[in-house]
Amino acid sequence: MKRSKTQPIGVLLEEFFQRPYVAAKVAEGRLHDTWREIVGEEADRETTELRLENHILHVRIRSSILRSELFYQREALKEEINRRSKIRIVHAVVIR
């Protein structure tokens, strides 16, 4: 709390959420929603596991056709997840 220079709570919260550790945790918490936005509802329904471990996103897909399609798009998926998260949260994507 500062008495000499007051700041609106919105500014303080914005600064707080821009801290790298906090931003990474928020992005990790939104990962399932981000995945659904990128791949769509149908592909999300076929996703049985979505787990982030040591910056590696592990994805398990029920459909072999969809799994093959997403396998070839791993790099694009990684880049889009990081772009939407505004932080480099994913270093690699493993599709199974």
PDB file of N, CA and C in Angstrom:
ATOM      1  N   MET A   1       0.843  -1.182   0.000  1.00  0.00           N
ATOM      2  CA  MET A   1       0.000   0.000   0.000  1.00  0.00           C
ATOM      3  C   MET A   1       0.883   1.238   0.000  1.00  0.00           C
ATOM      4  N   LYS A   2       0.603   2.112  -0.894  1.00  0.00           N
ATOM      5  CA  LYS A   2       1.368   3.348  -0.994  1.00  0.00           C
ATOM      6  C   LYS A   2       0.463   4.508  -0.635  1.00  0.00           C
ATOM      7  N   ARG A   3       0.983   5.393   0.171  1.00  0.00           N
ATOM      8  CA  ARG A   3       0.194   6.567   0.535  1.00  0.00           C
ATOM      9  C   ARG A   3       0.569   7.768  -0.318  1.00  0.00           C
ATOM     10  N   SER A   4       1.788   7.791  -0.841  1.00  0.00           N
ATOM     11  CA  SER A   4       2.212   8.958  -1.594  1.00  0.00           C
ATOM     12  C   SER A   4       1.651   8.958  -3.017  1.00  0.00           C
ATOM     13  N   LYS A   5       1.556   7.792  -3.634  1.00  0.00           N
ATOM     14  CA  LYS A   5       1.060   7.725  -5.011  1.00  0.00           C
ATOM     15  C   LYS A   5       0.070   6.565  -5.098  1.00  0.00           C
ATOM     16  N   THR A   6      -1.168   6.883  -5.166  1.00  0.00           N
ATOM     17  CA  THR A   6      -2.173   5.826  -5.240  1.00  0.00           C
ATOM     18  C   THR A   6      -2.291   5.330  -6.682  1.00  0.00           C
ATOM     19  N   GLN A   7      -2.605   4.040  -6.823  1.00  0.00           N
ATOM     20  CA  GLN A   7      -2.788   3.437  -8.129  1.00  0.00           C
ATOM     21  C   GLN A   7      -4.108   2.681  -8.130  1.00  0.00           C
ATOM     22  N   PRO A   8      -4.805   2.723  -9.241  1.00  0.00           N
ATOM     23  CA  PRO A   8      -6.056   1.976  -9.333  1.00  0.00           C
ATOM     24  C   PRO A   8      -5.779   0.474  -9.226  1.00  0.00           C
ATOM     25  N   ILE A   9      -6.718  -0.251  -8.665  1.00  0.00           N
ATOM     26  CA  ILE A   9      -6.568  -1.692  -8.475  1.00  0.00           C
ATOM     27  C   ILE A   9      -6.374  -2.409  -9.814  1.00  0.00           C
ATOM     28  N   GLY A  10      -6.987  -1.912 -10.866  1.00  0.00           N
ATOM     29  CA  GLY A  10      -6.825  -2.508 -12.187  1.00  0.00           C
ATOM     30  C   GLY A  10      -5.388  -2.472 -12.663  1.00  0.00           C
ATOM     31  N   VAL A  11      -4.702  -1.378 -12.407  1.00  0.00           N
ATOM     32  CA  VAL A  11      -3.292  -1.241 -12.798  1.00  0.00           C
ATOM     33  C   VAL A  11      -2.444  -2.219 -11.993  1.00  0.00           C
ATOM     34  N   LEU A  12      -2.704  -2.325 -10.711  1.00  0.00           N
ATOM     35  CA  LEU A  12      -1.958  -3.252  -9.863  1.00  0.00           C
ATOM     36  C   LEU A  12      -2.167  -4.701 -10.297  1.00  0.00           C
ATOM     37  N   LEU A  13      -3.421  -5.050 -10.608  1.00  0.00           N
ATOM     38  CA  LEU A  13      -3.699  -6.414 -11.063  1.00  0.00           C
ATOM     39  C   LEU A  13      -3.049  -6.707 -12.403  1.00  0.00           C
ATOM     40  N   GLU A  14      -3.057  -5.730 -13.303  1.00  0.00           N
ATOM     41  CA  GLU A  14      -2.421  -5.912 -14.610  1.00  0.00           C
ATOM     42  C   GLU A  14      -0.928  -6.163 -14.440  1.00  0.00           C
ATOM     43  N   GLU A  15      -0.279  -5.401 -13.578  1.00  0.00           N
ATOM     44  CA  GLU A  15       1.144  -5.604 -13.312  1.00  0.00           C
ATOM     45  C   GLU A  15       1.390  -6.984 -12.701  1.00  0.00           C
ATOM     46  N   PHE A  16       0.513  -7.388 -11.803  1.00  0.00           N
ATOM     47  CA  PHE A  16       0.647  -8.685 -11.149  1.00  0.00           C
ATOM     48  C   PHE A  16       0.551  -9.823 -12.159  1.00  0.00           C
ATOM     49  N   PHE A  17      -0.438  -9.783 -13.048  1.00  0.00           N
ATOM     50  CA  PHE A  17      -0.643 -10.860 -14.014  1.00  0.00           C
ATOM     51  C   PHE A  17       0.392 -10.859 -15.136  1.00  0.00           C
ATOM     52  N   GLN A  18       1.186  -9.801 -15.263  1.00  0.00           N
ATOM     53  CA  GLN A  18       2.241  -9.763 -16.268  1.00  0.00           C
ATOM     54  C   GLN A  18       3.548 -10.360 -15.763  1.00  0.00           C
ATOM     55  N   ARG A  19       3.620 -10.654 -14.478  1.00  0.00           N
ATOM     56  CA  ARG A  19       4.825 -11.302 -13.952  1.00  0.00           C
ATOM     57  C   ARG A  19       4.949 -12.677 -14.599  1.00  0.00           C
ATOM     58  N   PRO A  20       6.159 -13.061 -15.013  1.00  0.00           N
ATOM     59  CA  PRO A  20       6.327 -14.317 -15.772  1.00  0.00           C
ATOM     60  C   PRO A  20       5.749 -15.549 -15.084  1.00  0.00           C
ATOM     61  N   TYR A  21       5.986 -15.724 -13.797  1.00  0.00           N
ATOM     62  CA  TYR A  21       5.491 -16.915 -13.106  1.00  0.00           C
ATOM     63  C   TYR A  21       3.964 -16.929 -13.068  1.00  0.00           C
ATOM     64  N   VAL A  22       3.379 -15.799 -12.765  1.00  0.00           N
ATOM     65  CA  VAL A  22       1.918 -15.703 -12.690  1.00  0.00           C
ATOM     66  C   VAL A  22       1.307 -15.882 -14.079  1.00  0.00           C
ATOM     67  N   ALA A  23       1.893 -15.249 -15.090  1.00  0.00           N
ATOM     68  CA  ALA A  23       1.390 -15.380 -16.455  1.00  0.00           C
ATOM     69  C   ALA A  23       1.442 -16.835 -16.917  1.00  0.00           C
ATOM     70  N   ALA A  24       2.514 -17.544 -16.550  1.00  0.00           N
ATOM     71  CA  ALA A  24       2.637 -18.961 -16.930  1.00  0.00           C
ATOM     72  C   ALA A  24       1.564 -19.801 -16.245  1.00  0.00           C
ATOM     73  N   LYS A  25       1.297 -19.546 -15.007  1.00  0.00           N
ATOM     74  CA  LYS A  25       0.272 -20.313 -14.281  1.00  0.00           C
ATOM     75  C   LYS A  25      -1.124 -20.027 -14.823  1.00  0.00           C
ATOM     76  N   VAL A  26      -1.397 -18.796 -15.175  1.00  0.00           N
ATOM     77  CA  VAL A  26      -2.697 -18.443 -15.775  1.00  0.00           C
ATOM     78  C   VAL A  26      -2.841 -19.136 -17.131  1.00  0.00           C
ATOM     79  N   ALA A  27      -1.790 -19.099 -17.947  1.00  0.00           N
ATOM     80  CA  ALA A  27      -1.831 -19.756 -19.257  1.00  0.00           C
ATOM     81  C   ALA A  27      -2.017 -21.256 -19.100  1.00  0.00           C
ATOM     82  N   GLU A  28      -1.367 -21.844 -18.112  1.00  0.00           N
ATOM     83  CA  GLU A  28      -1.518 -23.274 -17.859  1.00  0.00           C
ATOM     84  C   GLU A  28      -2.947 -23.599 -17.435  1.00  0.00           C
ATOM     85  N   GLY A  29      -3.535 -22.749 -16.637  1.00  0.00           N
ATOM     86  CA  GLY A  29      -4.916 -22.951 -16.212  1.00  0.00           C
ATOM     87  C   GLY A  29      -5.910 -22.818 -17.358  1.00  0.00           C
ATOM     88  N   ARG A  30      -5.586 -22.024 -18.345  1.00  0.00           N
ATOM     89  CA  ARG A  30      -6.462 -21.826 -19.505  1.00  0.00           C
ATOM     90  C   ARG A  30      -6.137 -22.762 -20.668  1.00  0.00           C
ATOM     91  N   LEU A  31      -5.204 -23.678 -20.468  1.00  0.00           N
ATOM     92  CA  LEU A  31      -4.712 -24.508 -21.559  1.00  0.00           C
ATOM     93  C   LEU A  31      -5.824 -25.305 -22.246  1.00  0.00           C
ATOM     94  N   HIS A  32      -6.727 -25.873 -21.481  1.00  0.00           N
ATOM     95  CA  HIS A  32      -7.811 -26.655 -22.096  1.00  0.00           C
ATOM     96  C   HIS A  32      -8.706 -25.769 -22.967  1.00  0.00           C
ATOM     97  N   ASP A  33      -9.024 -24.574 -22.484  1.00  0.00           N
ATOM     98  CA  ASP A  33      -9.837 -23.646 -23.274  1.00  0.00           C
ATOM     99  C   ASP A  33      -9.094 -23.203 -24.535  1.00  0.00           C
ATOM    100  N   THR A  34      -7.801 -22.947 -24.398  1.00  0.00           N
ATOM    101  CA  THR A  34      -6.989 -22.545 -25.549  1.00  0.00           C
ATOM    102  C   THR A  34      -6.943 -23.666 -26.582  1.00  0.00           C
ATOM    103  N   TRP A  35      -6.779 -24.903 -26.116  1.00  0.00           N
ATOM    104  CA  TRP A  35      -6.761 -26.063 -27.013  1.00  0.00           C
ATOM    105  C   TRP A  35      -8.073 -26.160 -27.784  1.00  0.00           C
ATOM    106  N   ARG A  36      -9.201 -26.009 -27.085  1.00  0.00           N
ATOM    107  CA  ARG A  36     -10.516 -26.086 -27.724  1.00  0.00           C
ATOM    108  C   ARG A  36     -10.686 -24.983 -28.761  1.00  0.00           C
ATOM    109  N   GLU A  37     -10.225 -23.787 -28.468  1.00  0.00           N
ATOM    110  CA  GLU A  37     -10.327 -22.678 -29.423  1.00  0.00           C
ATOM    111  C   GLU A  37      -9.515 -22.953 -30.682  1.00  0.00           C
ATOM    112  N   ILE A  38      -8.359 -23.590 -30.538  1.00  0.00           N
ATOM    113  CA  ILE A  38      -7.474 -23.826 -31.675  1.00  0.00           C
ATOM    114  C   ILE A  38      -7.959 -24.987 -32.538  1.00  0.00           C
ATOM    115  N   VAL A  39      -8.273 -26.129 -31.918  1.00  0.00           N
ATOM    116  CA  VAL A  39      -8.597 -27.323 -32.706  1.00  0.00           C
ATOM    117  C   VAL A  39     -10.084 -27.461 -33.003  1.00  0.00           C
ATOM    118  N   GLY A  40     -10.930 -26.772 -32.262  1.00  0.00           N
ATOM    119  CA  GLY A  40     -12.373 -26.848 -32.483  1.00  0.00           C
ATOM    120  C   GLY A  40     -13.057 -27.849 -31.575  1.00  0.00           C
ATOM    121  N   GLU A  41     -14.376 -27.774 -31.545  1.00  0.00           N
ATOM    122  CA  GLU A  41     -15.190 -28.603 -30.643  1.00  0.00           C
ATOM    123  C   GLU A  41     -15.077 -30.098 -30.948  1.00  0.00           C
ATOM    124  N   GLU A  42     -15.134 -30.450 -32.236  1.00  0.00           N
ATOM    125  CA  GLU A  42     -15.091 -31.874 -32.618  1.00  0.00           C
ATOM    126  C   GLU A  42     -13.777 -32.523 -32.196  1.00  0.00           C
ATOM    127  N   ALA A  43     -12.673 -31.868 -32.491  1.00  0.00           N
ATOM    128  CA  ALA A  43     -11.364 -32.409 -32.117  1.00  0.00           C
ATOM    129  C   ALA A  43     -11.192 -32.426 -30.606  1.00  0.00           C
ATOM    130  N   ASP A  44     -11.742 -31.439 -29.931  1.00  0.00           N
ATOM    131  CA  ASP A  44     -11.663 -31.406 -28.475  1.00  0.00           C
ATOM    132  C   ASP A  44     -12.407 -32.595 -27.860  1.00  0.00           C
ATOM    133  N   ARG A  45     -13.519 -32.989 -28.465  1.00  0.00           N
ATOM    134  CA  ARG A  45     -14.264 -34.148 -27.962  1.00  0.00           C
ATOM    135  C   ARG A  45     -13.457 -35.442 -28.114  1.00  0.00           C
ATOM    136  N   GLU A  46     -12.601 -35.494 -29.114  1.00  0.00           N
ATOM    137  CA  GLU A  46     -11.759 -36.678 -29.339  1.00  0.00           C
ATOM    138  C   GLU A  46     -10.491 -36.666 -28.481  1.00  0.00           C
ATOM    139  N   THR A  47     -10.237 -35.568 -27.804  1.00  0.00           N
ATOM    140  CA  THR A  47      -9.064 -35.451 -26.940  1.00  0.00           C
ATOM    141  C   THR A  47      -9.388 -36.062 -25.580  1.00  0.00           C
ATOM    142  N   THR A  48      -8.632 -37.099 -25.207  1.00  0.00           N
ATOM    143  CA  THR A  48      -8.889 -37.765 -23.929  1.00  0.00           C
ATOM    144  C   THR A  48      -7.913 -37.337 -22.844  1.00  0.00           C
ATOM    145  N   GLU A  49      -6.779 -36.772 -23.238  1.00  0.00           N
ATOM    146  CA  GLU A  49      -5.793 -36.309 -22.260  1.00  0.00           C
ATOM    147  C   GLU A  49      -5.093 -35.078 -22.801  1.00  0.00           C
ATOM    148  N   LEU A  50      -4.932 -34.103 -21.930  1.00  0.00           N
ATOM    149  CA  LEU A  50      -4.231 -32.865 -22.269  1.00  0.00           C
ATOM    150  C   LEU A  50      -3.446 -32.492 -21.021  1.00  0.00           C
ATOM    151  N   ARG A  51      -2.127 -32.732 -21.061  1.00  0.00           N
ATOM    152  CA  ARG A  51      -1.312 -32.572 -19.857  1.00  0.00           C
ATOM    153  C   ARG A  51      -0.028 -31.838 -20.209  1.00  0.00           C
ATOM    154  N   LEU A  52       0.314 -30.840 -19.414  1.00  0.00           N
ATOM    155  CA  LEU A  52       1.545 -30.079 -19.606  1.00  0.00           C
ATOM    156  C   LEU A  52       2.542 -30.509 -18.530  1.00  0.00           C
ATOM    157  N   GLU A  53       3.692 -30.990 -18.992  1.00  0.00           N
ATOM    158  CA  GLU A  53       4.712 -31.476 -18.065  1.00  0.00           C
ATOM    159  C   GLU A  53       6.075 -31.008 -18.558  1.00  0.00           C
ATOM    160  N   ASN A  54       6.750 -30.191 -17.770  1.00  0.00           N
ATOM    161  CA  ASN A  54       8.062 -29.644 -18.136  1.00  0.00           C
ATOM    162  C   ASN A  54       8.038 -28.960 -19.510  1.00  0.00           C
ATOM    163  N   HIS A  55       7.015 -28.180 -19.748  1.00  0.00           N
ATOM    164  CA  HIS A  55       6.829 -27.419 -20.998  1.00  0.00           C
ATOM    165  C   HIS A  55       6.582 -28.313 -22.211  1.00  0.00           C
ATOM    166  N   ILE A  56       6.256 -29.565 -21.988  1.00  0.00           N
ATOM    167  CA  ILE A  56       5.902 -30.478 -23.074  1.00  0.00           C
ATOM    168  C   ILE A  56       4.416 -30.792 -22.940  1.00  0.00           C
ATOM    169  N   LEU A  57       3.671 -30.500 -23.981  1.00  0.00           N
ATOM    170  CA  LEU A  57       2.233 -30.752 -23.979  1.00  0.00           C
ATOM    171  C   LEU A  57       1.983 -32.164 -24.497  1.00  0.00           C
ATOM    172  N   HIS A  58       1.416 -33.002 -23.640  1.00  0.00           N
ATOM    173  CA  HIS A  58       1.073 -34.377 -23.999  1.00  0.00           C
ATOM    174  C   HIS A  58      -0.414 -34.418 -24.323  1.00  0.00           C
ATOM    175  N   VAL A  59      -0.723 -34.868 -25.531  1.00  0.00           N
ATOM    176  CA  VAL A  59      -2.109 -34.907 -25.992  1.00  0.00           C
ATOM    177  C   VAL A  59      -2.429 -36.328 -26.425  1.00  0.00           C
ATOM    178  N   ARG A  60      -3.518 -36.873 -25.917  1.00  0.00           N
ATOM    179  CA  ARG A  60      -3.964 -38.203 -26.322  1.00  0.00           C
ATOM    180  C   ARG A  60      -5.276 -38.037 -27.087  1.00  0.00           C
ATOM    181  N   ILE A  61      -5.287 -38.553 -28.321  1.00  0.00           N
ATOM    182  CA  ILE A  61      -6.435 -38.410 -29.216  1.00  0.00           C
ATOM    183  C   ILE A  61      -7.023 -39.790 -29.486  1.00  0.00           C
ATOM    184  N   ARG A  62      -8.333 -39.898 -29.386  1.00  0.00           N
ATOM    185  CA  ARG A  62      -9.037 -41.157 -29.601  1.00  0.00           C
ATOM    186  C   ARG A  62      -9.057 -41.581 -31.072  1.00  0.00           C
ATOM    187  N   SER A  63      -9.265 -40.647 -31.963  1.00  0.00           N
ATOM    188  CA  SER A  63      -9.400 -40.923 -33.401  1.00  0.00           C
ATOM    189  C   SER A  63      -8.027 -41.016 -34.067  1.00  0.00           C
ATOM    190  N   SER A  64      -7.758 -42.125 -34.750  1.00  0.00           N
ATOM    191  CA  SER A  64      -6.464 -42.291 -35.405  1.00  0.00           C
ATOM    192  C   SER A  64      -6.282 -41.313 -36.567  1.00  0.00           C
ATOM    193  N   ILE A  65      -7.339 -40.999 -37.269  1.00  0.00           N
ATOM    194  CA  ILE A  65      -7.262 -40.052 -38.385  1.00  0.00           C
ATOM    195  C   ILE A  65      -6.920 -38.657 -37.874  1.00  0.00           C
ATOM    196  N   LEU A  66      -7.627 -38.223 -36.844  1.00  0.00           N
ATOM    197  CA  LEU A  66      -7.360 -36.913 -36.250  1.00  0.00           C
ATOM    198  C   LEU A  66      -5.969 -36.890 -35.627  1.00  0.00           C
ATOM    199  N   ARG A  67      -5.577 -37.977 -34.992  1.00  0.00           N
ATOM    200  CA  ARG A  67      -4.253 -38.061 -34.387  1.00  0.00           C
ATOM    201  C   ARG A  67      -3.164 -37.858 -35.450  1.00  0.00           C
ATOM    202  N   SER A  68      -3.325 -38.494 -36.598  1.00  0.00           N
ATOM    203  CA  SER A  68      -2.354 -38.326 -37.687  1.00  0.00           C
ATOM    204  C   SER A  68      -2.322 -36.888 -38.187  1.00  0.00           C
ATOM    205  N   GLU A  69      -3.488 -36.305 -38.359  1.00  0.00           N
ATOM    206  CA  GLU A  69      -3.578 -34.920 -38.840  1.00  0.00           C
ATOM    207  C   GLU A  69      -2.896 -33.959 -37.865  1.00  0.00           C
ATOM    208  N   LEU A  70      -3.183 -34.111 -36.570  1.00  0.00           N
ATOM    209  CA  LEU A  70      -2.585 -33.225 -35.574  1.00  0.00           C
ATOM    210  C   LEU A  70      -1.092 -33.491 -35.393  1.00  0.00           C
ATOM    211  N   PHE A  71      -0.671 -34.720 -35.604  1.00  0.00           N
ATOM    212  CA  PHE A  71       0.745 -35.062 -35.488  1.00  0.00           C
ATOM    213  C   PHE A  71       1.575 -34.207 -36.445  1.00  0.00           C
ATOM    214  N   TYR A  72       1.093 -34.037 -37.654  1.00  0.00           N
ATOM    215  CA  TYR A  72       1.822 -33.253 -38.651  1.00  0.00           C
ATOM    216  C   TYR A  72       1.713 -31.748 -38.417  1.00  0.00           C
ATOM    217  N   GLN A  73       0.828 -31.345 -37.526  1.00  0.00           N
ATOM    218  CA  GLN A  73       0.652 -29.917 -37.240  1.00  0.00           C
ATOM    219  C   GLN A  73       1.185 -29.537 -35.864  1.00  0.00           C
ATOM    220  N   ARG A  74       2.033 -30.378 -35.277  1.00  0.00           N
ATOM    221  CA  ARG A  74       2.540 -30.134 -33.913  1.00  0.00           C
ATOM    222  C   ARG A  74       3.215 -28.779 -33.763  1.00  0.00           C
ATOM    223  N   GLU A  75       4.077 -28.428 -34.697  1.00  0.00           N
ATOM    224  CA  GLU A  75       4.803 -27.159 -34.603  1.00  0.00           C
ATOM    225  C   GLU A  75       3.836 -25.967 -34.670  1.00  0.00           C
ATOM    226  N   ALA A  76       2.876 -26.028 -35.564  1.00  0.00           N
ATOM    227  CA  ALA A  76       1.879 -24.951 -35.681  1.00  0.00           C
ATOM    228  C   ALA A  76       1.021 -24.872 -34.426  1.00  0.00           C
ATOM    229  N   LEU A  77       0.669 -26.013 -33.858  1.00  0.00           N
ATOM    230  CA  LEU A  77      -0.110 -26.032 -32.613  1.00  0.00           C
ATOM    231  C   LEU A  77       0.679 -25.372 -31.484  1.00  0.00           C
ATOM    232  N   LYS A  78       1.945 -25.739 -31.376  1.00  0.00           N
ATOM    233  CA  LYS A  78       2.806 -25.159 -30.333  1.00  0.00           C
ATOM    234  C   LYS A  78       2.871 -23.642 -30.474  1.00  0.00           C
ATOM    235  N   GLU A  79       3.126 -23.173 -31.682  1.00  0.00           N
ATOM    236  CA  GLU A  79       3.243 -21.732 -31.910  1.00  0.00           C
ATOM    237  C   GLU A  79       1.939 -20.995 -31.612  1.00  0.00           C
ATOM    238  N   GLU A  80       0.813 -21.591 -32.000  1.00  0.00           N
ATOM    239  CA  GLU A  80      -0.483 -20.935 -31.768  1.00  0.00           C
ATOM    240  C   GLU A  80      -0.835 -20.907 -30.284  1.00  0.00           C
ATOM    241  N   ILE A  81      -0.544 -21.977 -29.567  1.00  0.00           N
ATOM    242  CA  ILE A  81      -0.793 -21.997 -28.115  1.00  0.00           C
ATOM    243  C   ILE A  81       0.037 -20.914 -27.444  1.00  0.00           C
ATOM    244  N   ASN A  82       1.310 -20.818 -27.800  1.00  0.00           N
ATOM    245  CA  ASN A  82       2.178 -19.801 -27.203  1.00  0.00           C
ATOM    246  C   ASN A  82       1.734 -18.395 -27.582  1.00  0.00           C
ATOM    247  N   ARG A  83       1.292 -18.212 -28.815  1.00  0.00           N
ATOM    248  CA  ARG A  83       0.837 -16.883 -29.248  1.00  0.00           C
ATOM    249  C   ARG A  83      -0.397 -16.457 -28.461  1.00  0.00           C
ATOM    250  N   ARG A  84      -1.340 -17.365 -28.317  1.00  0.00           N
ATOM    251  CA  ARG A  84      -2.573 -17.029 -27.591  1.00  0.00           C
ATOM    252  C   ARG A  84      -2.329 -16.867 -26.102  1.00  0.00           C
ATOM    253  N   SER A  85      -1.358 -17.587 -25.567  1.00  0.00           N
ATOM    254  CA  SER A  85      -1.038 -17.500 -24.141  1.00  0.00           C
ATOM    255  C   SER A  85      -0.196 -16.272 -23.822  1.00  0.00           C
ATOM    256  N   LYS A  86       0.399 -15.665 -24.845  1.00  0.00           N
ATOM    257  CA  LYS A  86       1.256 -14.484 -24.699  1.00  0.00           C
ATOM    258  C   LYS A  86       2.503 -14.773 -23.864  1.00  0.00           C
ATOM    259  N   ILE A  87       2.856 -16.047 -23.785  1.00  0.00           N
ATOM    260  CA  ILE A  87       4.055 -16.476 -23.076  1.00  0.00           C
ATOM    261  C   ILE A  87       4.453 -17.829 -23.653  1.00  0.00           C
ATOM    262  N   ARG A  88       5.732 -18.116 -23.649  1.00  0.00           N
ATOM    263  CA  ARG A  88       6.188 -19.398 -24.209  1.00  0.00           C
ATOM    264  C   ARG A  88       5.995 -20.488 -23.162  1.00  0.00           C
ATOM    265  N   ILE A  89       4.819 -21.068 -23.159  1.00  0.00           N
ATOM    266  CA  ILE A  89       4.461 -22.090 -22.181  1.00  0.00           C
ATOM    267  C   ILE A  89       4.750 -23.490 -22.693  1.00  0.00           C
ATOM    268  N   VAL A  90       4.679 -23.698 -24.007  1.00  0.00           N
ATOM    269  CA  VAL A  90       4.859 -25.014 -24.606  1.00  0.00           C
ATOM    270  C   VAL A  90       6.111 -25.001 -25.485  1.00  0.00           C
ATOM    271  N   HIS A  91       7.019 -25.944 -25.222  1.00  0.00           N
ATOM    272  CA  HIS A  91       8.230 -26.077 -26.036  1.00  0.00           C
ATOM    273  C   HIS A  91       8.089 -27.179 -27.070  1.00  0.00           C
ATOM    274  N   ALA A  92       7.221 -28.162 -26.799  1.00  0.00           N
ATOM    275  CA  ALA A  92       7.008 -29.267 -27.725  1.00  0.00           C
ATOM    276  C   ALA A  92       5.617 -29.856 -27.495  1.00  0.00           C
ATOM    277  N   VAL A  93       5.065 -30.469 -28.535  1.00  0.00           N
ATOM    278  CA  VAL A  93       3.766 -31.127 -28.449  1.00  0.00           C
ATOM    279  C   VAL A  93       3.966 -32.593 -28.816  1.00  0.00           C
ATOM    280  N   VAL A  94       3.478 -33.485 -27.950  1.00  0.00           N
ATOM    281  CA  VAL A  94       3.540 -34.921 -28.187  1.00  0.00           C
ATOM    282  C   VAL A  94       2.119 -35.399 -28.384  1.00  0.00           C
ATOM    283  N   ILE A  95       1.836 -35.970 -29.562  1.00  0.00           N
ATOM    284  CA  ILE A  95       0.496 -36.470 -29.889  1.00  0.00           C
ATOM    285  C   ILE A  95       0.526 -37.989 -29.811  1.00  0.00           C
ATOM    286  N   ARG A  96      -0.393 -38.565 -29.067  1.00  0.00           N
ATOM    287  CA  ARG A  96      -0.506 -40.022 -28.952  1.00  0.00           C
ATOM    288  C   ARG A  96      -1.924 -40.436 -29.209  1.00  0.00           C
TER     289      ARG A  96
END
